[in-house]
Amino acid sequence: MTPPPLTLRPTSELPAETAELLEQLRCESPRGPADDWALAGLTKHLSEGTQGGFLLLGPNDEAICILLDRITPIGHRVSFLMAPGFRSEASTQSALVALDSAPELHPVVGLRVMARSPPPETIAERIELRGFRYFGRVDLELPEGTAFPAQPPGNPLGLRPVQLADTEALARLMRAAYSTDPYDVAIFLERADLLEDARVSVDAILSGKFGPWIPTGSFAQEIEGELRGAVLTVRNDGGLIAELLVDPRSRRVGLGRALLEASVRGLREAGERPVRLVYTRPNRQAESLYVAMGFRPPVPEFVGGDWVNLACIGHPELADELRLTASGGAMGSASHLPAGASE
């Protein structure tokens, strides 16, 4: 089937059409917390003029897709939202062709496919041919009644509650935990200064941007005045483990698991239900930790993800390892909010 021809127009030229399409997406049902959080953030950026946007128009000038564009230190990241009624392989192919032909949107480092867009397996081949590989977000919950080992006596790892005074130290820890992962840099980096980027992320969590911060579920390990690990939690459809951070120098000694166990205990004692987290595949180490602790997906479903152009971030050699179509499922890495882990 020949895909319909599409034209690309800036959202600033078509404010009414843009608002109408965003409202259609917002009113769709069913939708989950990840949908609401992501769409609200993108709409806010667009309304504030901090994010460029484009509409893809069909043969009859109907809005088929909205592309929301963020310019980051390493290139453009485009969020890709298909309108209701146009979620077909042909329409997706046309949107990708239009994206390729838009010089103002290149180099495109990341392409976010929202939950309202076609699921990744239906468009994998088209996007992979353009050099992208998929990193999908996975929402996990800890079922009620999941037992944990007894808390070891004496607090051998020296965990303590996180305090607001830890903000700068948490930012330094976040920079150390994530800066070694090229996928996290490609997907989440917003500022050229990695430490400043981390400061903004930590401040967003502690100030309640993603839901009220829960101090009783947030813990840290401090060694000689330096944080080596931390877990941060917020109230977001339950107790959400928003960040699990471990300094590379302190990995593989059980610190990540100890932080998670302390966090879950704190959340349960505070009555936060369910306990949940969101991470980005393929951080297999984090995934195996979560599964071993009893976390499970509440409903197997596509909750969105990012396609990253590995050549643009200097890692084309990883393309074969991360092929979605070859593996039969999405593969990915650790993530920032809403959630993630770096053990």
C-alpha atoms as a PDB file:
ATOM      1  CA  MET A   1       0.000   0.000   0.000  1.00  0.00           C
ATOM      2  CA  THR A   2       1.349   3.412  -0.940  1.00  0.00           C
ATOM      3  CA  PRO A   3       1.408   5.641   2.147  1.00  0.00           C
ATOM      4  CA  PRO A   4      -0.564   8.898   1.990  1.00  0.00           C
ATOM      5  CA  PRO A   5       1.524  12.028   1.315  1.00  0.00           C
ATOM      6  CA  LEU A   6       1.998  14.237   4.347  1.00  0.00           C
ATOM      7  CA  THR A   7       3.136  17.820   4.800  1.00  0.00           C
ATOM      8  CA  LEU A   8       5.056  19.177   7.783  1.00  0.00           C
ATOM      9  CA  ARG A   9       3.976  22.476   9.352  1.00  0.00           C
ATOM     10  CA  PRO A  10       5.190  24.176  12.577  1.00  0.00           C
ATOM     11  CA  THR A  11       2.637  24.007  15.374  1.00  0.00           C
ATOM     12  CA  SER A  12       3.020  27.772  15.836  1.00  0.00           C
ATOM     13  CA  GLU A  13       1.389  28.234  12.425  1.00  0.00           C
ATOM     14  CA  LEU A  14      -1.552  25.995  13.347  1.00  0.00           C
ATOM     15  CA  PRO A  15      -2.341  26.658  17.031  1.00  0.00           C
ATOM     16  CA  ALA A  16      -6.011  25.622  16.805  1.00  0.00           C
ATOM     17  CA  GLU A  17      -5.234  22.324  15.073  1.00  0.00           C
ATOM     18  CA  THR A  18      -2.422  21.636  17.549  1.00  0.00           C
ATOM     19  CA  ALA A  19      -4.641  22.287  20.564  1.00  0.00           C
ATOM     20  CA  GLU A  20      -7.380  20.088  19.109  1.00  0.00           C
ATOM     21  CA  LEU A  21      -5.050  17.154  18.508  1.00  0.00           C
ATOM     22  CA  LEU A  22      -3.518  17.419  21.985  1.00  0.00           C
ATOM     23  CA  GLU A  23      -7.019  17.481  23.481  1.00  0.00           C
ATOM     24  CA  GLN A  24      -7.954  14.343  21.523  1.00  0.00           C
ATOM     25  CA  LEU A  25      -4.895  12.593  22.936  1.00  0.00           C
ATOM     26  CA  ARG A  26      -5.585  13.815  26.451  1.00  0.00           C
ATOM     27  CA  CYS A  27      -9.206  12.591  26.407  1.00  0.00           C
ATOM     28  CA  GLU A  28      -8.429   9.120  25.102  1.00  0.00           C
ATOM     29  CA  SER A  29      -9.274   6.119  27.209  1.00  0.00           C
ATOM     30  CA  PRO A  30      -7.807   3.997  28.585  1.00  0.00           C
ATOM     31  CA  ARG A  31      -4.689   5.824  29.568  1.00  0.00           C
ATOM     32  CA  GLY A  32      -2.196   5.187  32.323  1.00  0.00           C
ATOM     33  CA  PRO A  33      -0.073   7.308  34.671  1.00  0.00           C
ATOM     34  CA  ALA A  34       2.871   7.212  32.265  1.00  0.00           C
ATOM     35  CA  ASP A  35       0.632   8.635  29.507  1.00  0.00           C
ATOM     36  CA  ASP A  36      -0.684  11.423  31.709  1.00  0.00           C
ATOM     37  CA  TRP A  37       2.745  12.382  33.012  1.00  0.00           C
ATOM     38  CA  ALA A  38       4.421  12.417  29.610  1.00  0.00           C
ATOM     39  CA  LEU A  39       1.639  14.206  27.738  1.00  0.00           C
ATOM     40  CA  ALA A  40       1.250  16.845  30.455  1.00  0.00           C
ATOM     41  CA  GLY A  41       4.975  17.551  30.363  1.00  0.00           C
ATOM     42  CA  LEU A  42       5.095  17.812  26.590  1.00  0.00           C
ATOM     43  CA  THR A  43       2.040  20.062  26.480  1.00  0.00           C
ATOM     44  CA  LYS A  44       3.544  22.320  29.138  1.00  0.00           C
ATOM     45  CA  HIS A  45       6.824  22.640  27.216  1.00  0.00           C
ATOM     46  CA  LEU A  46       4.955  23.427  24.027  1.00  0.00           C
ATOM     47  CA  SER A  47       2.730  26.076  25.661  1.00  0.00           C
ATOM     48  CA  GLU A  48       5.750  27.750  27.234  1.00  0.00           C
ATOM     49  CA  GLY A  49       7.554  27.927  23.923  1.00  0.00           C
ATOM     50  CA  THR A  50      10.468  25.870  25.252  1.00  0.00           C
ATOM     51  CA  GLN A  51       9.843  23.066  22.794  1.00  0.00           C
ATOM     52  CA  GLY A  52       9.316  23.284  19.071  1.00  0.00           C
ATOM     53  CA  GLY A  53       6.563  21.337  17.437  1.00  0.00           C
ATOM     54  CA  PHE A  54       5.376  20.219  14.019  1.00  0.00           C
ATOM     55  CA  LEU A  55       2.094  18.858  12.712  1.00  0.00           C
ATOM     56  CA  LEU A  56       1.959  16.292   9.958  1.00  0.00           C
ATOM     57  CA  LEU A  57      -1.047  17.037   7.746  1.00  0.00           C
ATOM     58  CA  GLY A  58      -2.740  14.528   5.469  1.00  0.00           C
ATOM     59  CA  PRO A  59      -4.058  14.962   1.909  1.00  0.00           C
ATOM     60  CA  ASN A  60      -7.122  16.825   3.239  1.00  0.00           C
ATOM     61  CA  ASP A  61      -5.107  18.958   5.686  1.00  0.00           C
ATOM     62  CA  GLU A  62      -6.208  16.750   8.583  1.00  0.00           C
ATOM     63  CA  ALA A  63      -3.782  16.468  11.518  1.00  0.00           C
ATOM     64  CA  ILE A  64      -2.334  12.956  11.441  1.00  0.00           C
ATOM     65  CA  CYS A  65       0.568  13.268  13.845  1.00  0.00           C
ATOM     66  CA  ILE A  66       2.223  15.760  16.141  1.00  0.00           C
ATOM     67  CA  LEU A  67       6.005  15.863  16.499  1.00  0.00           C
ATOM     68  CA  LEU A  68       7.246  17.653  19.613  1.00  0.00           C
ATOM     69  CA  ASP A  69      10.892  18.567  19.272  1.00  0.00           C
ATOM     70  CA  ARG A  70      13.408  19.186  22.049  1.00  0.00           C
ATOM     71  CA  ILE A  71      16.897  20.339  21.146  1.00  0.00           C
ATOM     72  CA  THR A  72      19.438  18.781  23.504  1.00  0.00           C
ATOM     73  CA  PRO A  73      23.243  19.036  23.726  1.00  0.00           C
ATOM     74  CA  ILE A  74      23.624  15.999  21.477  1.00  0.00           C
ATOM     75  CA  GLY A  75      20.833  16.650  18.964  1.00  0.00           C
ATOM     76  CA  HIS A  76      17.071  16.702  18.480  1.00  0.00           C
ATOM     77  CA  ARG A  77      14.725  14.414  20.395  1.00  0.00           C
ATOM     78  CA  VAL A  78      11.308  14.153  18.798  1.00  0.00           C
ATOM     79  CA  SER A  79       8.195  12.875  20.551  1.00  0.00           C
ATOM     80  CA  PHE A  80       5.949  11.131  18.091  1.00  0.00           C
ATOM     81  CA  LEU A  81       2.188  11.061  18.793  1.00  0.00           C
ATOM     82  CA  MET A  82      -0.215   9.665  16.209  1.00  0.00           C
ATOM     83  CA  ALA A  83      -3.766  11.024  16.094  1.00  0.00           C
ATOM     84  CA  PRO A  84      -6.699   8.673  16.790  1.00  0.00           C
ATOM     85  CA  GLY A  85      -7.836   7.023  13.603  1.00  0.00           C
ATOM     86  CA  PHE A  86      -4.450   7.235  11.885  1.00  0.00           C
ATOM     87  CA  ARG A  87      -2.474   4.586  13.772  1.00  0.00           C
ATOM     88  CA  SER A  88      -1.603   2.361  10.881  1.00  0.00           C
ATOM     89  CA  GLU A  89       1.646   1.138   9.424  1.00  0.00           C
ATOM     90  CA  ALA A  90       1.051   3.241   6.301  1.00  0.00           C
ATOM     91  CA  SER A  91       0.520   6.452   8.265  1.00  0.00           C
ATOM     92  CA  THR A  92       3.529   5.693  10.431  1.00  0.00           C
ATOM     93  CA  GLN A  93       5.675   5.119   7.361  1.00  0.00           C
ATOM     94  CA  SER A  94       4.540   8.465   5.941  1.00  0.00           C
ATOM     95  CA  ALA A  95       5.371  10.201   9.212  1.00  0.00           C
ATOM     96  CA  LEU A  96       8.858   8.708   9.229  1.00  0.00           C
ATOM     97  CA  VAL A  97       9.444   9.744   5.619  1.00  0.00           C
ATOM     98  CA  ALA A  98       8.357  13.288   6.482  1.00  0.00           C
ATOM     99  CA  LEU A  99      10.678  13.256   9.491  1.00  0.00           C
ATOM    100  CA  ASP A 100      13.582  12.181   7.288  1.00  0.00           C
ATOM    101  CA  SER A 101      12.871  14.998   4.846  1.00  0.00           C
ATOM    102  CA  ALA A 102      12.844  17.752   7.478  1.00  0.00           C
ATOM    103  CA  PRO A 103      16.355  19.220   7.689  1.00  0.00           C
ATOM    104  CA  GLU A 104      15.377  21.332  10.695  1.00  0.00           C
ATOM    105  CA  LEU A 105      14.866  18.132  12.703  1.00  0.00           C
ATOM    106  CA  HIS A 106      18.296  16.603  12.164  1.00  0.00           C
ATOM    107  CA  PRO A 107      20.317  15.031  13.559  1.00  0.00           C
ATOM    108  CA  VAL A 108      17.514  13.229  15.372  1.00  0.00           C
ATOM    109  CA  VAL A 109      19.138  11.401  18.268  1.00  0.00           C
ATOM    110  CA  GLY A 110      15.992  10.113  19.947  1.00  0.00           C
ATOM    111  CA  LEU A 111      12.446   9.428  18.828  1.00  0.00           C
ATOM    112  CA  ARG A 112       9.917   8.950  21.627  1.00  0.00           C
ATOM    113  CA  VAL A 113       7.027   6.685  20.720  1.00  0.00           C
ATOM    114  CA  MET A 114       4.166   7.354  23.109  1.00  0.00           C
ATOM    115  CA  ALA A 115       1.707   4.738  24.327  1.00  0.00           C
ATOM    116  CA  ARG A 116      -0.921   6.230  22.031  1.00  0.00           C
ATOM    117  CA  SER A 117       1.326   5.626  19.048  1.00  0.00           C
ATOM    118  CA  PRO A 118       1.630   2.254  17.301  1.00  0.00           C
ATOM    119  CA  PRO A 119       3.324  -0.307  19.563  1.00  0.00           C
ATOM    120  CA  PRO A 120       7.004  -0.811  18.742  1.00  0.00           C
ATOM    121  CA  GLU A 121       6.685  -4.192  17.052  1.00  0.00           C
ATOM    122  CA  THR A 122       4.442  -2.720  14.334  1.00  0.00           C
ATOM    123  CA  ILE A 123       6.961  -0.079  13.271  1.00  0.00           C
ATOM    124  CA  ALA A 124      10.251  -1.698  14.286  1.00  0.00           C
ATOM    125  CA  GLU A 125      11.511  -2.472  10.801  1.00  0.00           C
ATOM    126  CA  ARG A 126      10.722   1.010   9.472  1.00  0.00           C
ATOM    127  CA  ILE A 127      12.521   2.788  12.291  1.00  0.00           C
ATOM    128  CA  GLU A 128      15.419   0.353  12.513  1.00  0.00           C
ATOM    129  CA  LEU A 129      16.195   0.930   8.843  1.00  0.00           C
ATOM    130  CA  ARG A 130      16.813   4.558   9.821  1.00  0.00           C
ATOM    131  CA  GLY A 131      19.427   3.538  12.387  1.00  0.00           C
ATOM    132  CA  PHE A 132      17.302   3.613  15.547  1.00  0.00           C
ATOM    133  CA  ARG A 133      17.084   0.972  18.282  1.00  0.00           C
ATOM    134  CA  TYR A 134      14.319   0.692  20.863  1.00  0.00           C
ATOM    135  CA  PHE A 135      14.479   1.359  24.614  1.00  0.00           C
ATOM    136  CA  GLY A 136      11.101   0.630  26.219  1.00  0.00           C
ATOM    137  CA  ARG A 137       9.805   1.642  29.636  1.00  0.00           C
ATOM    138  CA  VAL A 138       8.501  -1.066  31.926  1.00  0.00           C
ATOM    139  CA  ASP A 139       6.102  -0.380  34.820  1.00  0.00           C
ATOM    140  CA  LEU A 140       6.486  -2.791  37.752  1.00  0.00           C
ATOM    141  CA  GLU A 141       4.584  -3.252  41.013  1.00  0.00           C
ATOM    142  CA  LEU A 142       5.476  -5.201  44.119  1.00  0.00           C
ATOM    143  CA  PRO A 143       2.506  -7.499  44.872  1.00  0.00           C
ATOM    144  CA  GLU A 144       1.031  -7.289  48.353  1.00  0.00           C
ATOM    145  CA  GLY A 145       2.382  -9.958  50.629  1.00  0.00           C
ATOM    146  CA  THR A 146       5.779 -10.235  48.900  1.00  0.00           C
ATOM    147  CA  ALA A 147       8.131 -11.221  51.709  1.00  0.00           C
ATOM    148  CA  PHE A 148      11.569  -9.727  52.202  1.00  0.00           C
ATOM    149  CA  PRO A 149      14.451 -11.133  54.255  1.00  0.00           C
ATOM    150  CA  ALA A 150      14.634  -9.904  57.831  1.00  0.00           C
ATOM    151  CA  GLN A 151      16.434  -6.605  58.168  1.00  0.00           C
ATOM    152  CA  PRO A 152      20.066  -7.343  59.058  1.00  0.00           C
ATOM    153  CA  PRO A 153      20.981  -6.258  62.585  1.00  0.00           C
ATOM    154  CA  GLY A 154      23.179  -3.264  63.120  1.00  0.00           C
ATOM    155  CA  ASN A 155      22.624  -1.547  59.727  1.00  0.00           C
ATOM    156  CA  PRO A 156      25.892  -2.948  58.279  1.00  0.00           C
ATOM    157  CA  LEU A 157      25.857  -0.676  55.190  1.00  0.00           C
ATOM    158  CA  GLY A 158      25.237   2.455  57.219  1.00  0.00           C
ATOM    159  CA  LEU A 159      22.037   3.558  55.469  1.00  0.00           C
ATOM    160  CA  ARG A 160      20.380   6.743  56.715  1.00  0.00           C
ATOM    161  CA  PRO A 161      17.315   8.787  55.684  1.00  0.00           C
ATOM    162  CA  VAL A 162      17.769  11.269  52.853  1.00  0.00           C
ATOM    163  CA  GLN A 163      17.540  14.927  53.901  1.00  0.00           C
ATOM    164  CA  LEU A 164      16.911  18.091  51.905  1.00  0.00           C
ATOM    165  CA  ALA A 165      20.440  19.143  52.813  1.00  0.00           C
ATOM    166  CA  ASP A 166      21.665  16.232  50.636  1.00  0.00           C
ATOM    167  CA  THR A 167      20.505  17.919  47.410  1.00  0.00           C
ATOM    168  CA  GLU A 168      23.956  18.815  46.061  1.00  0.00           C
ATOM    169  CA  ALA A 169      25.464  15.485  47.135  1.00  0.00           C
ATOM    170  CA  LEU A 170      22.574  13.655  45.427  1.00  0.00           C
ATOM    171  CA  ALA A 171      23.250  15.584  42.230  1.00  0.00           C
ATOM    172  CA  ARG A 172      26.905  14.550  42.289  1.00  0.00           C
ATOM    173  CA  LEU A 173      25.873  10.947  42.905  1.00  0.00           C
ATOM    174  CA  MET A 174      23.379  11.053  40.027  1.00  0.00           C
ATOM    175  CA  ARG A 175      26.015  12.407  37.671  1.00  0.00           C
ATOM    176  CA  ALA A 176      28.391   9.605  38.642  1.00  0.00           C
ATOM    177  CA  ALA A 177      25.704   6.900  38.400  1.00  0.00           C
ATOM    178  CA  TYR A 178      24.398   7.853  34.961  1.00  0.00           C
ATOM    179  CA  SER A 179      27.265   9.540  33.122  1.00  0.00           C
ATOM    180  CA  THR A 180      28.871   6.214  32.159  1.00  0.00           C
ATOM    181  CA  ASP A 181      25.766   5.012  30.313  1.00  0.00           C
ATOM    182  CA  PRO A 182      25.509   6.374  26.744  1.00  0.00           C
ATOM    183  CA  TYR A 183      21.833   5.413  26.496  1.00  0.00           C
ATOM    184  CA  ASP A 184      20.839   7.465  29.520  1.00  0.00           C
ATOM    185  CA  VAL A 185      22.777  10.430  28.195  1.00  0.00           C
ATOM    186  CA  ALA A 186      21.053  10.098  24.811  1.00  0.00           C
ATOM    187  CA  ILE A 187      17.541   9.664  26.211  1.00  0.00           C
ATOM    188  CA  PHE A 188      17.487  11.958  29.224  1.00  0.00           C
ATOM    189  CA  LEU A 189      20.239  14.597  28.974  1.00  0.00           C
ATOM    190  CA  GLU A 190      18.745  18.099  28.750  1.00  0.00           C
ATOM    191  CA  ARG A 191      21.795  20.268  29.517  1.00  0.00           C
ATOM    192  CA  ALA A 192      25.399  20.171  28.387  1.00  0.00           C
ATOM    193  CA  ASP A 193      26.625  20.364  32.001  1.00  0.00           C
ATOM    194  CA  LEU A 194      25.977  16.895  33.448  1.00  0.00           C
ATOM    195  CA  LEU A 195      26.116  18.134  37.043  1.00  0.00           C
ATOM    196  CA  GLU A 196      23.657  20.946  36.392  1.00  0.00           C
ATOM    197  CA  ASP A 197      21.402  18.472  34.608  1.00  0.00           C
ATOM    198  CA  ALA A 198      21.505  16.235  37.682  1.00  0.00           C
ATOM    199  CA  ARG A 199      20.792  19.177  40.000  1.00  0.00           C
ATOM    200  CA  VAL A 200      17.608  19.970  38.069  1.00  0.00           C
ATOM    201  CA  SER A 201      16.510  16.320  38.184  1.00  0.00           C
ATOM    202  CA  VAL A 202      17.121  15.986  41.926  1.00  0.00           C
ATOM    203  CA  ASP A 203      15.373  19.275  42.636  1.00  0.00           C
ATOM    204  CA  ALA A 204      12.366  18.128  40.576  1.00  0.00           C
ATOM    205  CA  ILE A 205      12.033  15.017  42.742  1.00  0.00           C
ATOM    206  CA  LEU A 206      12.520  16.675  46.122  1.00  0.00           C
ATOM    207  CA  SER A 207      10.266  19.628  45.260  1.00  0.00           C
ATOM    208  CA  GLY A 208       7.360  17.378  44.302  1.00  0.00           C
ATOM    209  CA  LYS A 209       7.281  17.894  40.541  1.00  0.00           C
ATOM    210  CA  PHE A 210       6.492  14.214  39.995  1.00  0.00           C
ATOM    211  CA  GLY A 211       4.406  13.808  43.143  1.00  0.00           C
ATOM    212  CA  PRO A 212       5.111  14.588  46.811  1.00  0.00           C
ATOM    213  CA  TRP A 213       8.524  13.429  47.934  1.00  0.00           C
ATOM    214  CA  ILE A 214       8.305  10.605  50.523  1.00  0.00           C
ATOM    215  CA  PRO A 215      11.213  10.985  52.990  1.00  0.00           C
ATOM    216  CA  THR A 216      10.255   7.767  54.834  1.00  0.00           C
ATOM    217  CA  GLY A 217      11.047   5.758  51.692  1.00  0.00           C
ATOM    218  CA  SER A 218      14.243   7.595  50.725  1.00  0.00           C
ATOM    219  CA  PHE A 219      17.621   6.415  52.001  1.00  0.00           C
ATOM    220  CA  ALA A 220      21.317   7.021  51.337  1.00  0.00           C
ATOM    221  CA  GLN A 221      24.718   5.601  52.148  1.00  0.00           C
ATOM    222  CA  GLU A 222      27.387   8.129  53.071  1.00  0.00           C
ATOM    223  CA  ILE A 223      31.085   7.319  53.301  1.00  0.00           C
ATOM    224  CA  GLU A 224      33.532   9.986  54.499  1.00  0.00           C
ATOM    225  CA  GLY A 225      31.105  12.772  53.686  1.00  0.00           C
ATOM    226  CA  GLU A 226      30.287  11.470  50.180  1.00  0.00           C
ATOM    227  CA  LEU A 227      27.103   9.733  49.073  1.00  0.00           C
ATOM    228  CA  ARG A 228      27.782   6.358  47.486  1.00  0.00           C
ATOM    229  CA  GLY A 229      24.181   5.288  46.973  1.00  0.00           C
ATOM    230  CA  ALA A 230      20.645   6.589  47.359  1.00  0.00           C
ATOM    231  CA  VAL A 231      17.009   5.744  46.678  1.00  0.00           C
ATOM    232  CA  LEU A 232      14.388   8.479  46.244  1.00  0.00           C
ATOM    233  CA  THR A 233      10.621   7.961  46.387  1.00  0.00           C
ATOM    234  CA  VAL A 234       7.551  10.041  45.543  1.00  0.00           C
ATOM    235  CA  ARG A 235       3.784   9.570  45.800  1.00  0.00           C
ATOM    236  CA  ASN A 236       2.607   8.862  42.253  1.00  0.00           C
ATOM    237  CA  ASP A 237      -0.200   6.301  41.958  1.00  0.00           C
ATOM    238  CA  GLY A 238       1.254   4.710  45.039  1.00  0.00           C
ATOM    239  CA  GLY A 239       4.768   4.779  46.387  1.00  0.00           C
ATOM    240  CA  LEU A 240       6.977   5.261  43.336  1.00  0.00           C
ATOM    241  CA  ILE A 241      10.679   4.451  43.600  1.00  0.00           C
ATOM    242  CA  ALA A 242      11.796   7.338  41.415  1.00  0.00           C
ATOM    243  CA  GLU A 243      15.568   6.875  41.479  1.00  0.00           C
ATOM    244  CA  LEU A 244      17.941   4.145  42.590  1.00  0.00           C
ATOM    245  CA  LEU A 245      21.480   5.487  42.337  1.00  0.00           C
ATOM    246  CA  VAL A 246      24.720   3.649  43.091  1.00  0.00           C
ATOM    247  CA  ASP A 247      28.164   5.122  42.542  1.00  0.00           C
ATOM    248  CA  PRO A 248      30.199   2.921  40.134  1.00  0.00           C
ATOM    249  CA  ARG A 249      32.822   2.486  42.889  1.00  0.00           C
ATOM    250  CA  SER A 250      30.238   0.888  45.189  1.00  0.00           C
ATOM    251  CA  ARG A 251      28.519  -1.529  42.837  1.00  0.00           C
ATOM    252  CA  ARG A 252      28.305  -5.311  43.136  1.00  0.00           C
ATOM    253  CA  VAL A 253      28.395  -5.297  46.942  1.00  0.00           C
ATOM    254  CA  GLY A 254      24.619  -5.478  47.507  1.00  0.00           C
ATOM    255  CA  LEU A 255      24.114  -1.750  48.083  1.00  0.00           C
ATOM    256  CA  GLY A 256      21.384  -1.408  45.459  1.00  0.00           C
ATOM    257  CA  ARG A 257      19.359  -4.269  46.934  1.00  0.00           C
ATOM    258  CA  ALA A 258      19.816  -2.953  50.471  1.00  0.00           C
ATOM    259  CA  LEU A 259      18.577   0.481  49.416  1.00  0.00           C
ATOM    260  CA  LEU A 260      15.546  -1.019  47.664  1.00  0.00           C
ATOM    261  CA  GLU A 261      14.653  -3.221  50.641  1.00  0.00           C
ATOM    262  CA  ALA A 262      14.904  -0.261  53.033  1.00  0.00           C
ATOM    263  CA  SER A 263      12.782   1.833  50.687  1.00  0.00           C
ATOM    264  CA  VAL A 264      10.054  -0.798  50.358  1.00  0.00           C
ATOM    265  CA  ARG A 265       9.902  -1.218  54.136  1.00  0.00           C
ATOM    266  CA  GLY A 266       9.637   2.528  54.602  1.00  0.00           C
ATOM    267  CA  LEU A 267       6.892   2.862  51.995  1.00  0.00           C
ATOM    268  CA  ARG A 268       4.897  -0.028  53.452  1.00  0.00           C
ATOM    269  CA  GLU A 269       5.180   1.349  56.974  1.00  0.00           C
ATOM    270  CA  ALA A 270       3.922   4.708  55.673  1.00  0.00           C
ATOM    271  CA  GLY A 271       0.914   2.992  54.069  1.00  0.00           C
ATOM    272  CA  GLU A 272       1.949   3.772  50.478  1.00  0.00           C
ATOM    273  CA  ARG A 273       0.266   1.292  48.128  1.00  0.00           C
ATOM    274  CA  PRO A 274       1.164  -0.054  45.680  1.00  0.00           C
ATOM    275  CA  VAL A 275       4.946   0.090  45.709  1.00  0.00           C
ATOM    276  CA  ARG A 276       6.038   0.548  42.115  1.00  0.00           C
ATOM    277  CA  LEU A 277       8.845   1.606  39.832  1.00  0.00           C
ATOM    278  CA  VAL A 278       9.452   2.256  36.152  1.00  0.00           C
ATOM    279  CA  TYR A 279      12.683   1.383  34.399  1.00  0.00           C
ATOM    280  CA  THR A 280      14.011   1.333  30.854  1.00  0.00           C
ATOM    281  CA  ARG A 281      15.260  -1.868  29.261  1.00  0.00           C
ATOM    282  CA  PRO A 282      17.793  -3.368  28.673  1.00  0.00           C
ATOM    283  CA  ASN A 283      19.440  -2.745  32.014  1.00  0.00           C
ATOM    284  CA  ARG A 284      19.533  -6.487  32.588  1.00  0.00           C
ATOM    285  CA  GLN A 285      21.278  -6.130  35.934  1.00  0.00           C
ATOM    286  CA  ALA A 286      18.547  -3.858  37.276  1.00  0.00           C
ATOM    287  CA  GLU A 287      15.831  -6.010  35.722  1.00  0.00           C
ATOM    288  CA  SER A 288      17.149  -9.177  37.335  1.00  0.00           C
ATOM    289  CA  LEU A 289      17.333  -7.386  40.698  1.00  0.00           C
ATOM    290  CA  TYR A 290      13.733  -6.168  40.496  1.00  0.00           C
ATOM    291  CA  VAL A 291      12.391  -9.553  39.403  1.00  0.00           C
ATOM    292  CA  ALA A 292      14.370 -11.352  42.120  1.00  0.00           C
ATOM    293  CA  MET A 293      12.828  -9.014  44.691  1.00  0.00           C
ATOM    294  CA  GLY A 294       9.326  -9.840  43.455  1.00  0.00           C
ATOM    295  CA  PHE A 295       8.418  -6.838  41.275  1.00  0.00           C
ATOM    296  CA  ARG A 296       6.048  -7.712  38.440  1.00  0.00           C
ATOM    297  CA  PRO A 297       4.224  -5.824  35.692  1.00  0.00           C
ATOM    298  CA  PRO A 298       0.617  -5.201  36.846  1.00  0.00           C
ATOM    299  CA  VAL A 299      -0.698  -5.553  33.286  1.00  0.00           C
ATOM    300  CA  PRO A 300       1.555  -6.491  30.336  1.00  0.00           C
ATOM    301  CA  GLU A 301       1.147  -3.520  28.038  1.00  0.00           C
ATOM    302  CA  PHE A 302       3.089  -1.025  25.966  1.00  0.00           C
ATOM    303  CA  VAL A 303       3.746   2.098  28.075  1.00  0.00           C
ATOM    304  CA  GLY A 304       5.981   3.985  25.657  1.00  0.00           C
ATOM    305  CA  GLY A 305       9.663   4.183  24.970  1.00  0.00           C
ATOM    306  CA  ASP A 306      12.451   5.826  23.004  1.00  0.00           C
ATOM    307  CA  TRP A 307      14.205   4.928  19.794  1.00  0.00           C
ATOM    308  CA  VAL A 308      17.830   6.109  19.892  1.00  0.00           C
ATOM    309  CA  ASN A 309      20.081   6.637  16.880  1.00  0.00           C
ATOM    310  CA  LEU A 310      23.181   4.825  18.099  1.00  0.00           C
ATOM    311  CA  ALA A 311      25.386   6.289  15.370  1.00  0.00           C
ATOM    312  CA  CYS A 312      24.471   9.807  16.532  1.00  0.00           C
ATOM    313  CA  ILE A 313      25.660   9.030  20.060  1.00  0.00           C
ATOM    314  CA  GLY A 314      28.852   7.346  18.834  1.00  0.00           C
ATOM    315  CA  HIS A 315      27.896   3.702  19.431  1.00  0.00           C
ATOM    316  CA  PRO A 316      26.896   2.180  16.073  1.00  0.00           C
ATOM    317  CA  GLU A 317      28.510  -1.103  17.095  1.00  0.00           C
ATOM    318  CA  LEU A 318      25.655  -1.760  19.531  1.00  0.00           C
ATOM    319  CA  ALA A 319      22.990  -1.785  16.826  1.00  0.00           C
ATOM    320  CA  ASP A 320      22.922  -5.558  16.274  1.00  0.00           C
ATOM    321  CA  GLU A 321      22.848  -6.283  20.010  1.00  0.00           C
ATOM    322  CA  LEU A 322      19.748  -4.144  20.442  1.00  0.00           C
ATOM    323  CA  ARG A 323      17.717  -5.166  17.412  1.00  0.00           C
ATOM    324  CA  LEU A 324      14.090  -5.366  18.473  1.00  0.00           C
ATOM    325  CA  THR A 325      13.029  -7.528  15.554  1.00  0.00           C
ATOM    326  CA  ALA A 326      15.859 -10.023  16.025  1.00  0.00           C
ATOM    327  CA  SER A 327      15.228 -10.463  19.757  1.00  0.00           C
ATOM    328  CA  GLY A 328      11.449 -10.695  19.515  1.00  0.00           C
ATOM    329  CA  GLY A 329      11.013  -8.078  22.224  1.00  0.00           C
ATOM    330  CA  ALA A 330      12.102  -4.658  23.390  1.00  0.00           C
ATOM    331  CA  MET A 331      15.545  -4.310  24.902  1.00  0.00           C
ATOM    332  CA  GLY A 332      16.812  -1.209  26.724  1.00  0.00           C
ATOM    333  CA  SER A 333      18.743   0.574  29.551  1.00  0.00           C
ATOM    334  CA  ALA A 334      18.297   2.312  32.927  1.00  0.00           C
ATOM    335  CA  SER A 335      16.137   5.408  33.147  1.00  0.00           C
ATOM    336  CA  HIS A 336      15.322   8.643  34.921  1.00  0.00           C
ATOM    337  CA  LEU A 337      11.864   9.689  36.042  1.00  0.00           C
ATOM    338  CA  PRO A 338       9.410   8.494  36.305  1.00  0.00           C
ATOM    339  CA  ALA A 339      11.831   6.025  37.758  1.00  0.00           C
ATOM    340  CA  GLY A 340      14.886   3.912  37.084  1.00  0.00           C
ATOM    341  CA  ALA A 341      17.835   2.199  38.564  1.00  0.00           C
ATOM    342  CA  SER A 342      21.572   2.120  38.191  1.00  0.00           C
ATOM    343  CA  GLU A 343      23.013  -0.641  40.351  1.00  0.00           C
END
